[in-house]
N, C-alpha and C. Protein backbone atom coordinates (compact mmCIF):
# COMPACT_ATOMS: atom_id res chain seq x y z
N MET A 1 -69.54 4.54 -28.71
CA MET A 1 -69.83 4.70 -27.59
C MET A 1 -70.11 3.43 -26.61
N ASN A 2 -70.80 2.36 -27.28
CA ASN A 2 -70.91 1.40 -26.35
C ASN A 2 -69.74 0.45 -26.29
N SER A 3 -69.05 0.24 -27.30
CA SER A 3 -67.75 -0.55 -27.40
C SER A 3 -66.64 0.11 -26.60
N GLU A 4 -66.51 1.42 -26.21
CA GLU A 4 -65.68 2.23 -25.42
C GLU A 4 -66.39 1.78 -23.96
N LYS A 5 -67.60 1.98 -23.58
CA LYS A 5 -67.84 1.42 -22.17
C LYS A 5 -67.74 -0.03 -21.96
N GLY A 6 -67.93 -1.02 -22.89
CA GLY A 6 -67.50 -2.14 -22.55
C GLY A 6 -66.18 -2.65 -22.39
N LYS A 7 -65.43 -1.71 -23.08
CA LYS A 7 -63.78 -1.64 -22.77
C LYS A 7 -63.40 -1.39 -21.36
N LEU A 8 -63.93 -0.29 -20.91
CA LEU A 8 -63.58 0.01 -19.68
C LEU A 8 -64.34 -1.00 -18.58
N ARG A 9 -65.58 -1.36 -18.84
CA ARG A 9 -66.27 -2.42 -17.79
C ARG A 9 -65.12 -3.77 -17.70
N HIS A 10 -64.55 -3.85 -19.16
CA HIS A 10 -63.66 -5.20 -18.97
C HIS A 10 -62.32 -4.71 -18.18
N GLN A 11 -61.92 -3.51 -18.23
CA GLN A 11 -60.60 -3.12 -17.49
C GLN A 11 -60.83 -3.04 -16.04
N ASN A 12 -62.21 -2.74 -15.76
CA ASN A 12 -62.31 -2.71 -14.32
C ASN A 12 -62.55 -4.17 -13.74
N ARG A 13 -62.68 -5.04 -14.60
CA ARG A 13 -62.93 -6.53 -13.99
C ARG A 13 -61.23 -7.01 -13.58
N LYS A 14 -60.29 -6.45 -14.84
CA LYS A 14 -58.85 -6.84 -14.41
C LYS A 14 -58.38 -6.10 -13.31
N VAL A 15 -58.68 -4.89 -13.02
CA VAL A 15 -58.25 -4.27 -11.93
C VAL A 15 -58.60 -4.89 -10.52
N LYS A 16 -60.18 -5.31 -10.66
CA LYS A 16 -60.58 -5.95 -9.56
C LYS A 16 -59.88 -7.11 -9.17
N ALA A 17 -59.59 -8.09 -10.27
CA ALA A 17 -58.90 -9.34 -9.90
C ALA A 17 -57.42 -8.84 -9.32
N ILE A 18 -56.93 -7.70 -9.81
CA ILE A 18 -55.56 -7.57 -9.14
C ILE A 18 -55.69 -6.83 -7.77
N PHE A 19 -56.54 -5.70 -7.87
CA PHE A 19 -56.57 -4.95 -6.52
C PHE A 19 -57.74 -5.21 -5.40
N GLY A 20 -58.71 -6.02 -5.99
CA GLY A 20 -59.79 -6.25 -5.10
C GLY A 20 -60.50 -5.18 -5.12
N THR A 21 -60.66 -4.28 -6.13
CA THR A 21 -61.66 -3.10 -6.15
C THR A 21 -61.81 -2.65 -7.62
N ARG A 22 -62.62 -1.88 -7.84
CA ARG A 22 -63.32 -1.46 -9.14
C ARG A 22 -62.57 -0.22 -9.43
N ASP A 23 -61.72 0.36 -8.55
CA ASP A 23 -60.74 1.69 -8.91
C ASP A 23 -59.96 1.60 -9.68
N LEU A 24 -59.97 2.70 -10.72
CA LEU A 24 -58.84 2.73 -11.65
C LEU A 24 -58.01 3.91 -11.40
N LEU A 25 -56.93 3.77 -11.69
CA LEU A 25 -55.84 5.01 -11.74
C LEU A 25 -56.16 5.75 -12.79
N PHE A 26 -55.90 5.35 -14.09
CA PHE A 26 -56.21 6.19 -15.27
C PHE A 26 -57.25 5.20 -16.20
N SER A 27 -57.96 6.25 -16.79
CA SER A 27 -58.96 5.44 -17.87
C SER A 27 -58.16 5.75 -19.17
N PHE A 28 -58.61 5.06 -20.05
CA PHE A 28 -57.78 4.94 -21.27
C PHE A 28 -57.99 6.39 -22.16
N ASN A 29 -58.90 7.11 -21.64
CA ASN A 29 -58.92 8.78 -22.64
C ASN A 29 -58.29 9.47 -21.69
N GLY A 30 -57.34 9.11 -20.64
CA GLY A 30 -56.41 10.12 -20.03
C GLY A 30 -57.02 10.90 -18.91
N THR A 31 -58.36 10.77 -18.56
CA THR A 31 -58.97 11.43 -17.43
C THR A 31 -58.52 10.44 -16.05
N ILE A 32 -58.37 10.95 -14.86
CA ILE A 32 -58.38 10.26 -13.79
C ILE A 32 -59.74 9.98 -13.33
N LYS A 33 -59.95 8.50 -12.99
CA LYS A 33 -61.22 8.30 -12.75
C LYS A 33 -61.18 8.19 -10.94
N GLU A 34 -60.52 7.20 -10.37
CA GLU A 34 -60.37 7.25 -9.06
C GLU A 34 -59.01 6.79 -8.75
N GLN A 35 -58.37 7.11 -7.74
CA GLN A 35 -56.93 7.15 -7.33
C GLN A 35 -57.02 5.86 -6.35
N VAL A 36 -56.25 5.06 -6.58
CA VAL A 36 -55.95 3.74 -6.14
C VAL A 36 -54.91 4.20 -4.85
N PRO A 37 -55.07 3.39 -3.58
CA PRO A 37 -54.05 3.98 -2.56
C PRO A 37 -52.76 3.34 -2.89
N PRO A 38 -51.72 3.98 -2.39
CA PRO A 38 -50.47 3.75 -2.89
C PRO A 38 -49.87 2.41 -2.71
N PHE A 39 -50.43 1.90 -1.24
CA PHE A 39 -50.05 0.71 -0.65
C PHE A 39 -50.64 -0.42 -1.56
N LYS A 40 -51.72 -0.45 -2.23
CA LYS A 40 -52.14 -1.39 -3.03
C LYS A 40 -51.43 -1.78 -4.38
N VAL A 41 -50.81 -0.45 -4.70
CA VAL A 41 -50.00 -0.61 -5.92
C VAL A 41 -48.63 -1.36 -5.74
N LEU A 42 -48.05 -0.89 -4.44
CA LEU A 42 -47.03 -1.50 -3.87
C LEU A 42 -47.27 -3.25 -3.57
N ILE A 43 -48.14 -3.51 -3.13
CA ILE A 43 -48.47 -4.81 -2.86
C ILE A 43 -48.74 -5.64 -4.17
N ALA A 44 -49.19 -5.01 -5.50
CA ALA A 44 -49.51 -5.60 -6.67
C ALA A 44 -47.99 -5.58 -7.36
N LEU A 45 -47.30 -4.64 -7.11
CA LEU A 45 -45.74 -4.70 -7.87
C LEU A 45 -44.95 -5.84 -7.21
N LEU A 46 -45.10 -6.12 -5.79
CA LEU A 46 -44.18 -6.86 -5.27
C LEU A 46 -44.78 -8.22 -5.24
N SER A 47 -46.02 -8.57 -5.43
CA SER A 47 -46.55 -9.74 -5.75
C SER A 47 -46.45 -10.23 -7.15
N PHE A 48 -45.92 -9.36 -8.09
CA PHE A 48 -46.04 -9.71 -9.48
C PHE A 48 -44.77 -10.39 -9.68
N ASN A 49 -44.85 -11.52 -10.20
CA ASN A 49 -43.79 -12.47 -10.63
C ASN A 49 -43.00 -12.40 -9.29
N ASN A 50 -43.11 -12.99 -8.21
CA ASN A 50 -42.51 -13.21 -7.16
C ASN A 50 -41.39 -13.83 -7.22
N THR A 51 -41.29 -15.04 -8.05
CA THR A 51 -40.13 -15.83 -8.49
C THR A 51 -38.99 -15.11 -8.88
N MET A 52 -39.29 -14.08 -9.96
CA MET A 52 -37.98 -13.18 -10.14
C MET A 52 -37.50 -12.52 -9.51
N GLU A 53 -38.50 -11.80 -8.75
CA GLU A 53 -37.91 -10.81 -7.56
C GLU A 53 -37.04 -11.47 -6.57
N LEU A 54 -37.24 -12.69 -6.15
CA LEU A 54 -36.56 -13.48 -5.27
C LEU A 54 -35.29 -13.86 -5.61
N MET A 55 -35.17 -14.26 -7.07
CA MET A 55 -34.04 -14.59 -7.81
C MET A 55 -33.12 -13.29 -7.77
N GLY A 56 -34.02 -12.24 -7.99
CA GLY A 56 -32.95 -11.07 -8.13
C GLY A 56 -32.38 -10.71 -6.98
N ARG A 57 -33.16 -10.96 -5.75
CA ARG A 57 -32.65 -10.53 -4.60
C ARG A 57 -31.38 -11.47 -3.95
N GLN A 58 -31.74 -12.80 -4.20
CA GLN A 58 -30.70 -13.79 -4.05
C GLN A 58 -29.46 -13.38 -4.86
N SER A 59 -29.64 -12.89 -6.05
CA SER A 59 -28.49 -12.73 -6.96
C SER A 59 -27.49 -11.50 -6.49
N PHE A 60 -28.42 -10.55 -5.91
CA PHE A 60 -27.98 -9.41 -5.44
C PHE A 60 -27.06 -9.47 -4.13
N ILE A 61 -27.52 -10.41 -3.33
CA ILE A 61 -26.96 -10.83 -1.99
C ILE A 61 -25.87 -11.68 -2.35
N GLY A 62 -25.81 -12.52 -3.47
CA GLY A 62 -24.73 -13.41 -3.57
C GLY A 62 -23.51 -12.41 -4.25
N ALA A 63 -24.05 -11.53 -5.07
CA ALA A 63 -22.99 -10.65 -5.46
C ALA A 63 -22.50 -9.86 -4.69
N TYR A 64 -23.07 -9.43 -3.63
CA TYR A 64 -22.47 -8.34 -2.72
C TYR A 64 -21.67 -9.27 -1.85
N TYR A 65 -21.99 -10.39 -1.36
CA TYR A 65 -21.03 -10.98 -0.49
C TYR A 65 -19.84 -11.34 -1.14
N TYR A 66 -19.91 -11.75 -2.69
CA TYR A 66 -18.67 -12.12 -3.30
C TYR A 66 -17.83 -10.97 -3.58
N TYR A 67 -18.58 -9.79 -3.73
CA TYR A 67 -17.47 -8.64 -3.88
C TYR A 67 -16.62 -8.32 -2.41
N TYR A 68 -17.71 -8.28 -1.44
CA TYR A 68 -17.00 -8.31 -0.02
C TYR A 68 -16.08 -9.21 0.16
N TYR A 69 -16.23 -10.47 0.03
CA TYR A 69 -15.28 -11.48 0.19
C TYR A 69 -13.79 -11.24 -0.53
N TYR A 70 -14.06 -10.79 -1.97
CA TYR A 70 -13.15 -10.67 -2.82
C TYR A 70 -12.10 -9.36 -2.34
N TYR A 71 -12.92 -8.31 -1.87
CA TYR A 71 -12.22 -7.33 -1.48
C TYR A 71 -11.40 -7.51 -0.16
N TYR A 72 -12.01 -8.34 0.70
CA TYR A 72 -11.54 -8.80 1.89
C TYR A 72 -10.37 -9.60 1.45
N TYR A 73 -10.35 -10.55 0.70
CA TYR A 73 -9.13 -11.36 0.53
C TYR A 73 -8.02 -10.44 -0.20
N TYR A 74 -8.52 -9.61 -1.21
CA TYR A 74 -7.44 -8.80 -1.73
C TYR A 74 -6.65 -7.93 -0.82
N TYR A 75 -7.60 -7.30 0.22
CA TYR A 75 -6.97 -6.56 1.31
C TYR A 75 -5.88 -7.43 2.32
N TYR A 76 -6.36 -8.49 2.34
CA TYR A 76 -5.69 -9.35 3.32
C TYR A 76 -4.57 -9.76 2.53
N TYR A 77 -4.52 -9.94 1.26
CA TYR A 77 -3.48 -10.50 0.61
C TYR A 77 -2.32 -9.12 0.47
N TYR A 78 -2.93 -7.90 0.19
CA TYR A 78 -2.18 -6.86 0.24
C TYR A 78 -1.20 -6.44 1.51
N TYR A 79 -2.33 -6.74 2.51
CA TYR A 79 -1.38 -6.42 3.82
C TYR A 79 -0.20 -7.44 4.19
N TYR A 80 -0.76 -8.75 3.92
CA TYR A 80 0.36 -9.85 4.25
C TYR A 80 1.37 -9.36 3.14
N TYR A 81 1.43 -9.07 1.93
CA TYR A 81 2.49 -8.66 1.04
C TYR A 81 3.45 -7.38 1.63
N TYR A 82 2.63 -6.49 2.09
CA TYR A 82 3.22 -5.20 2.66
C TYR A 82 3.96 -5.79 3.98
N TYR A 83 3.50 -6.49 4.70
CA TYR A 83 4.00 -6.92 5.89
C TYR A 83 5.27 -7.56 5.74
N TYR A 84 5.06 -8.69 4.76
CA TYR A 84 6.47 -9.40 4.08
C TYR A 84 7.54 -8.50 3.85
N TYR A 85 7.19 -7.51 2.79
CA TYR A 85 8.13 -6.63 2.33
C TYR A 85 8.84 -5.79 3.38
N TYR A 86 7.98 -5.49 4.41
CA TYR A 86 8.58 -4.47 5.54
C TYR A 86 9.44 -5.49 6.34
N TYR A 87 8.84 -6.48 6.33
CA TYR A 87 9.93 -7.44 7.38
C TYR A 87 11.09 -7.83 6.41
N TYR A 88 11.22 -8.07 5.28
CA TYR A 88 12.22 -8.19 4.35
C TYR A 88 13.38 -6.82 4.40
N TYR A 89 12.84 -5.61 4.36
CA TYR A 89 13.31 -4.70 4.34
C TYR A 89 14.05 -4.30 5.65
N TYR A 90 13.32 -4.72 6.85
CA TYR A 90 14.02 -4.59 8.11
C TYR A 90 15.02 -5.37 8.37
N TYR A 91 14.81 -6.85 7.72
CA TYR A 91 15.82 -7.70 7.99
C TYR A 91 16.97 -7.29 7.33
N TYR A 92 16.93 -6.78 6.23
CA TYR A 92 18.14 -6.25 4.96
C TYR A 92 18.71 -5.12 6.10
N TYR A 93 17.99 -3.95 6.56
CA TYR A 93 18.61 -3.19 6.97
C TYR A 93 19.52 -3.64 8.26
N TYR A 94 18.67 -4.46 9.09
CA TYR A 94 19.55 -5.10 10.23
C TYR A 94 20.65 -5.52 10.04
N TYR A 95 20.66 -6.51 8.75
CA TYR A 95 21.97 -7.12 8.28
C TYR A 95 22.92 -6.20 7.80
N TYR A 96 22.67 -5.02 7.15
CA TYR A 96 23.33 -4.06 6.64
C TYR A 96 24.18 -3.40 7.94
N TYR A 97 23.23 -3.09 8.64
CA TYR A 97 23.80 -2.45 9.89
C TYR A 97 24.64 -3.33 10.80
N TYR A 98 24.41 -4.58 10.97
CA TYR A 98 25.32 -5.66 11.62
C TYR A 98 26.74 -5.53 11.05
N TYR A 99 26.70 -5.91 9.45
CA TYR A 99 27.91 -5.85 9.00
C TYR A 99 28.69 -4.58 8.93
N TYR A 100 27.96 -3.53 8.79
CA TYR A 100 28.74 -2.12 8.85
C TYR A 100 29.49 -2.12 10.49
N TYR A 101 28.53 -2.36 11.23
CA TYR A 101 29.02 -2.33 12.74
C TYR A 101 30.13 -3.27 12.84
N TYR A 102 29.90 -4.28 12.48
CA TYR A 102 31.26 -5.25 12.45
C TYR A 102 32.51 -4.61 11.96
N TYR A 103 32.38 -4.24 10.46
CA TYR A 103 33.75 -3.74 9.90
C TYR A 103 34.02 -2.65 10.52
N TYR A 104 33.19 -1.60 11.15
CA TYR A 104 33.65 -0.67 11.66
C TYR A 104 34.65 -0.85 13.00
N TYR A 105 34.00 -2.11 13.75
CA TYR A 105 34.54 -2.49 15.18
C TYR A 105 35.86 -3.09 14.62
N TYR A 106 35.92 -3.92 13.61
CA TYR A 106 37.06 -4.50 13.41
C TYR A 106 38.23 -3.49 12.87
N TYR A 107 37.73 -2.38 12.21
CA TYR A 107 38.60 -1.41 11.61
C TYR A 107 39.35 -0.66 12.76
N TYR A 108 38.49 -0.31 13.79
CA TYR A 108 38.62 0.39 14.93
C TYR A 108 39.66 -0.32 15.80
N TYR A 109 39.57 -1.72 16.01
CA TYR A 109 40.34 -2.80 16.67
C TYR A 109 41.74 -2.72 16.22
N TYR A 110 41.76 -2.76 14.80
CA TYR A 110 43.20 -2.77 14.12
C TYR A 110 43.78 -1.45 14.28
N TYR A 111 43.25 -0.40 14.15
CA TYR A 111 43.87 0.94 14.51
C TYR A 111 44.32 1.10 15.84
N TYR A 112 43.36 0.68 16.70
CA TYR A 112 43.75 0.62 18.03
C TYR A 112 45.09 -0.29 18.38
N TYR A 113 45.09 -1.27 17.62
CA TYR A 113 46.11 -2.40 17.94
C TYR A 113 47.55 -1.80 17.44
N TYR A 114 47.35 -1.34 16.31
CA TYR A 114 48.46 -0.53 15.53
C TYR A 114 49.07 0.53 16.35
N TYR A 115 47.93 1.30 17.06
CA TYR A 115 48.49 2.57 17.66
C TYR A 115 49.23 2.27 18.91
N TYR A 116 48.67 1.15 19.47
CA TYR A 116 49.11 0.56 20.84
C TYR A 116 50.71 0.05 20.59
N TYR A 117 50.65 -0.66 19.53
CA TYR A 117 52.12 -1.58 19.08
C TYR A 117 52.97 -0.17 18.87
N TYR A 118 52.67 0.84 18.24
CA TYR A 118 53.63 1.97 17.86
C TYR A 118 54.18 2.70 19.07
N TYR A 119 53.09 2.93 19.80
CA TYR A 119 53.38 3.52 21.11
C TYR A 119 54.01 2.55 21.90
N TYR A 120 53.96 1.35 22.06
CA TYR A 120 54.84 0.66 22.97
C TYR A 120 56.40 0.54 22.33
N TYR A 121 56.45 0.41 21.00
CA TYR A 121 57.47 0.36 20.32
C TYR A 121 58.34 1.71 20.82
N TYR A 122 57.74 3.18 20.67
CA TYR A 122 58.17 4.25 20.71
C TYR A 122 58.73 4.21 22.37
N TYR A 123 57.83 3.90 23.28
CA TYR A 123 58.14 3.99 24.35
C TYR A 123 59.39 3.04 25.01
N TYR A 124 59.48 2.00 24.23
CA TYR A 124 60.62 0.88 24.53
C TYR A 124 62.11 1.58 24.26
N PHE A 125 61.87 2.15 23.10
CA PHE A 125 63.23 2.48 22.42
C PHE A 125 63.67 3.80 22.81
N TYR A 126 62.78 4.47 23.37
CA TYR A 126 63.22 5.87 23.68
C TYR A 126 63.26 6.16 25.06
N TYR A 127 62.38 5.41 25.85
CA TYR A 127 62.30 5.79 27.27
C TYR A 127 63.06 4.52 28.02
N LEU A 128 63.23 3.48 27.54
CA LEU A 128 63.83 2.33 28.37
C LEU A 128 65.31 2.11 27.98
N GLY A 129 65.56 2.99 26.84
CA GLY A 129 67.16 2.71 26.55
C GLY A 129 67.42 1.61 25.56
N GLY A 130 66.36 1.11 24.92
CA GLY A 130 66.73 -0.28 24.07
C GLY A 130 67.33 0.28 22.96
N ARG A 131 67.58 -0.82 21.99
CA ARG A 131 68.16 -0.67 20.72
C ARG A 131 67.64 0.47 19.90
N PRO A 132 68.12 1.04 19.28
CA PRO A 132 67.34 1.95 18.32
C PRO A 132 67.15 1.28 17.01
N PRO A 133 66.46 1.82 16.28
CA PRO A 133 66.01 1.15 14.76
C PRO A 133 67.43 1.22 13.97
N THR A 134 67.41 0.03 13.19
CA THR A 134 68.57 -0.15 12.23
C THR A 134 68.60 0.95 11.25
N ARG A 135 67.69 1.52 10.81
CA ARG A 135 67.65 2.53 9.80
C ARG A 135 67.69 3.91 10.57
N THR A 136 68.40 4.82 9.82
CA THR A 136 68.26 6.24 10.37
C THR A 136 66.84 6.96 9.99
N PRO A 137 66.97 7.97 10.84
CA PRO A 137 65.66 8.86 10.49
C PRO A 137 65.63 9.50 9.16
N ALA A 138 67.02 9.77 8.59
CA ALA A 138 67.07 10.54 7.55
C ALA A 138 66.68 9.42 6.11
N ARG A 139 66.87 8.27 6.41
CA ARG A 139 66.95 7.17 5.46
C ARG A 139 65.42 6.72 5.27
N LEU A 140 64.85 6.80 6.75
CA LEU A 140 63.21 6.58 6.88
C LEU A 140 62.54 7.83 6.21
N SER A 141 62.84 9.05 6.30
CA SER A 141 62.03 9.97 5.80
C SER A 141 62.15 9.99 4.34
N ARG A 142 63.23 9.31 3.66
CA ARG A 142 63.29 9.55 2.18
C ARG A 142 62.81 8.18 1.67
N SER A 143 62.31 7.38 2.34
CA SER A 143 61.68 6.24 1.84
C SER A 143 60.27 6.23 1.85
N ALA A 144 59.51 5.68 1.04
CA ALA A 144 58.06 5.73 1.15
C ALA A 144 57.54 4.34 1.79
N ARG A 145 58.70 3.44 2.29
CA ARG A 145 58.25 2.35 2.80
C ARG A 145 57.63 2.21 4.28
N PRO A 146 57.66 3.35 5.02
CA PRO A 146 56.91 3.61 6.29
C PRO A 146 55.45 3.92 6.12
N ARG A 147 55.21 4.69 5.09
CA ARG A 147 53.70 5.04 4.72
C ARG A 147 53.04 3.83 4.01
N LYS A 148 53.86 2.84 3.35
CA LYS A 148 53.08 1.79 2.72
C LYS A 148 52.94 0.69 3.91
N MET A 149 54.01 0.73 4.68
CA MET A 149 53.74 -0.22 5.90
C MET A 149 52.54 0.22 6.88
N PHE A 150 52.71 1.40 6.95
CA PHE A 150 51.49 1.94 7.96
C PHE A 150 50.31 1.57 7.25
N LEU A 151 50.01 1.75 5.95
CA LEU A 151 48.90 1.58 5.39
C LEU A 151 48.40 0.04 5.40
N CYS A 152 49.46 -1.05 4.97
CA CYS A 152 49.49 -2.23 4.91
C CYS A 152 49.11 -2.84 6.27
N ARG A 153 49.60 -2.27 7.15
CA ARG A 153 49.49 -2.98 8.48
C ARG A 153 48.27 -2.59 9.08
N LEU A 154 47.68 -1.20 8.49
CA LEU A 154 46.44 -0.86 9.14
C LEU A 154 45.35 -1.72 8.39
N LEU A 155 45.52 -2.35 7.28
CA LEU A 155 44.67 -3.13 6.58
C LEU A 155 44.61 -4.54 7.16
N GLY A 156 45.83 -4.85 7.87
CA GLY A 156 45.86 -6.22 8.42
C GLY A 156 46.86 -6.84 8.22
N ALA A 157 48.03 -6.27 7.30
CA ALA A 157 49.21 -7.02 7.38
C ALA A 157 50.17 -7.35 8.22
N ARG A 158 50.75 -8.22 8.39
CA ARG A 158 51.44 -8.68 9.73
C ARG A 158 53.01 -7.96 9.49
N ALA A 159 53.58 -8.64 8.28
CA ALA A 159 55.14 -8.43 8.28
C ALA A 159 55.36 -7.44 7.19
N SER A 160 55.00 -7.68 6.00
CA SER A 160 55.19 -6.69 4.85
C SER A 160 54.08 -6.50 4.06
N CYS A 161 54.33 -5.56 3.16
CA CYS A 161 53.13 -5.16 2.38
C CYS A 161 52.46 -6.16 1.62
N PHE A 162 53.18 -7.37 1.09
CA PHE A 162 52.95 -8.38 0.38
C PHE A 162 51.96 -9.52 1.42
N GLY A 163 52.04 -9.40 2.63
CA GLY A 163 51.55 -10.09 3.37
C GLY A 163 49.85 -10.07 3.39
N PHE A 164 49.50 -8.92 3.20
CA PHE A 164 47.97 -8.57 3.20
C PHE A 164 47.27 -9.05 2.12
N ILE A 165 48.04 -9.38 1.06
CA ILE A 165 47.43 -10.26 -0.15
C ILE A 165 46.95 -11.68 0.22
N LYS A 166 47.73 -12.28 1.07
CA LYS A 166 47.55 -13.59 1.56
C LYS A 166 46.74 -13.56 2.46
N ASP A 167 46.50 -12.59 3.16
CA ASP A 167 45.62 -12.31 4.63
C ASP A 167 44.02 -12.53 4.35
N VAL A 168 43.48 -13.44 4.93
CA VAL A 168 41.98 -13.54 4.39
C VAL A 168 41.09 -12.59 5.04
N ARG A 169 41.69 -12.29 6.19
CA ARG A 169 40.93 -11.24 6.64
C ARG A 169 40.53 -9.73 5.98
N ILE A 170 41.59 -9.25 5.07
CA ILE A 170 41.47 -8.09 4.58
C ILE A 170 40.43 -8.49 3.43
N TRP A 171 40.45 -9.51 2.80
CA TRP A 171 39.55 -9.80 1.65
C TRP A 171 38.33 -9.84 2.27
N ILE A 172 37.95 -10.56 3.45
CA ILE A 172 36.72 -10.46 4.16
C ILE A 172 36.07 -8.88 4.10
N GLY A 173 37.07 -8.15 4.60
CA GLY A 173 36.79 -6.69 4.89
C GLY A 173 36.40 -6.07 3.75
N ILE A 174 36.99 -6.40 2.62
CA ILE A 174 36.84 -5.71 1.32
C ILE A 174 35.39 -6.40 0.64
N ILE A 175 35.03 -7.59 0.82
CA ILE A 175 33.99 -8.09 0.33
C ILE A 175 32.63 -7.63 1.03
N VAL A 176 33.00 -7.39 2.38
CA VAL A 176 31.98 -6.67 3.18
C VAL A 176 31.68 -5.53 2.81
N LEU A 177 32.67 -4.61 2.68
CA LEU A 177 32.46 -3.10 2.34
C LEU A 177 31.84 -3.10 0.94
N PHE A 178 32.25 -3.86 0.03
CA PHE A 178 31.50 -3.76 -1.17
C PHE A 178 30.12 -4.25 -1.31
N LEU A 179 29.71 -5.39 -0.39
CA LEU A 179 28.37 -5.65 -0.28
C LEU A 179 27.55 -4.68 0.35
N GLY A 180 28.10 -3.95 1.40
CA GLY A 180 27.40 -3.20 2.08
C GLY A 180 27.11 -1.94 1.21
N THR A 181 28.01 -1.33 0.29
CA THR A 181 27.69 -0.14 -0.38
C THR A 181 26.96 -0.38 -1.71
N HIS A 182 26.66 -1.73 -1.94
CA HIS A 182 25.83 -2.00 -3.22
C HIS A 182 24.39 -2.75 -2.96
């Protein structure tokens, strides 16, 4: 019994050194002796190994700012990549639209020119009394040459169907059409 009372007195001295009082939260036999105010426990816990607590706080703040900076950098990089991809897609779409419009305008211009030339030819020979064509309509209808000439002149040939092979403009049109559809 005396040894147990001595242990309690020794524990009271240690508590007094920490809390500045002789109050104990729990005795070693499991009974509550006196309750220490919670703020004293908080002060003791905060003052215990203050250096380690400060280092932990600094490391936590450093990790938080590092994570925030990394997230911000990743978000900026993703936004920049998305903006670059959108700009590239818009530029490609504009490029494709421009060439499609140019090809369509080129095709329309040749069609209109051929139609105007055919109309002028028809008007000149049938309304102004000019010389008729050298071939008769029967020979023209039996021959496939007028249809070929219509297609070749529509594609850009000048005199004959073999002329469009040497014409650079029709190959440019074919290349543009191929690039625009792939």
